Amino acid sequence: MVIDQTINHFQEARRIAASIDNQLRILIADMNIGKYYIELNKIDSAISYENEALGITVKQGQGKYTG
């Protein structure tokens, strides 16, 4: 239950970041959402968000976030 609420908060943060076109904040939200989907064993959802984060990382030149 707590993880679901956490995901909802990060999704809201992502929505706000998208509304102001803040790519770095979208990237961070996507990474966190992916992490919590892994904890819920929702691997397809996790991969989707992690791939979105990776795409932003490459596009924005934020290599430090690629691990």
Protein backbone atom coordinates (compact mmCIF):
# COMPACT_ATOMS: atom_id res chain seq x y z
CA MET A 1 0.00 0.00 0.00
CA VAL A 2 2.75 2.45 0.90
CA ILE A 3 4.60 1.65 -2.34
CA ASP A 4 1.43 2.34 -4.34
CA GLN A 5 1.13 5.75 -2.68
CA THR A 6 4.80 6.44 -3.35
CA ILE A 7 4.32 5.60 -7.03
CA ASN A 8 1.29 7.90 -7.15
CA HIS A 9 3.34 10.76 -5.68
CA PHE A 10 6.14 10.26 -8.20
CA GLN A 11 3.59 10.08 -11.03
CA GLU A 12 2.16 13.41 -9.87
CA ALA A 13 5.67 14.86 -9.69
CA ARG A 14 6.27 13.58 -13.21
CA ARG A 15 3.04 15.17 -14.44
CA ILE A 16 4.04 18.53 -12.94
CA ALA A 17 7.56 18.26 -14.38
CA ALA A 18 6.12 17.50 -17.81
CA SER A 19 3.77 20.47 -17.58
CA ILE A 20 6.76 22.80 -17.17
CA ASP A 21 9.00 20.77 -19.50
CA ASN A 22 11.58 20.00 -16.82
CA GLN A 23 13.32 17.00 -18.38
CA LEU A 24 15.65 16.39 -15.43
CA ARG A 25 12.72 16.09 -13.01
CA ILE A 26 10.88 13.79 -15.43
CA LEU A 27 14.03 11.66 -15.59
CA ILE A 28 14.27 11.44 -11.80
CA ALA A 29 10.57 10.63 -11.43
CA ASP A 30 10.79 7.91 -14.08
CA MET A 31 13.81 6.33 -12.36
CA ASN A 32 12.01 6.30 -9.03
CA ILE A 33 8.74 4.97 -10.46
CA GLY A 34 10.69 2.19 -12.16
CA LYS A 35 12.45 1.33 -8.91
CA TYR A 36 9.19 0.97 -7.00
CA TYR A 37 7.58 -1.09 -9.75
CA ILE A 38 10.52 -3.48 -9.41
CA GLU A 39 9.74 -3.76 -5.70
CA LEU A 40 6.16 -4.68 -6.62
CA ASN A 41 7.51 -7.23 -9.12
CA LYS A 42 5.79 -5.37 -11.98
CA ILE A 43 8.72 -5.81 -14.28
CA ASP A 44 7.04 -4.67 -17.52
CA SER A 45 6.01 -1.38 -15.92
CA ALA A 46 9.45 -0.95 -14.37
CA ILE A 47 11.18 -1.51 -17.71
CA SER A 48 8.87 0.98 -19.40
CA TYR A 49 9.70 3.76 -16.94
CA GLU A 50 13.39 2.90 -16.83
CA ASN A 51 13.55 3.02 -20.63
CA GLU A 52 11.86 6.43 -20.60
CA ALA A 53 14.47 7.60 -18.10
CA LEU A 54 17.28 6.20 -20.22
CA GLY A 55 15.94 7.98 -23.29
CA ILE A 56 15.90 11.30 -21.47
CA THR A 57 19.38 10.62 -20.08
CA VAL A 58 20.81 10.07 -23.55
CA LYS A 59 18.91 12.99 -25.09
CA GLN A 60 19.94 15.41 -22.33
CA GLY A 61 23.53 14.19 -22.01
CA GLN A 62 23.05 13.21 -18.38
CA GLY A 63 25.42 10.22 -18.48
CA LYS A 64 25.86 10.24 -14.70
CA TYR A 65 22.35 8.75 -14.43
CA THR A 66 23.10 5.69 -16.55
CA GLY A 67 24.86 3.89 -13.70
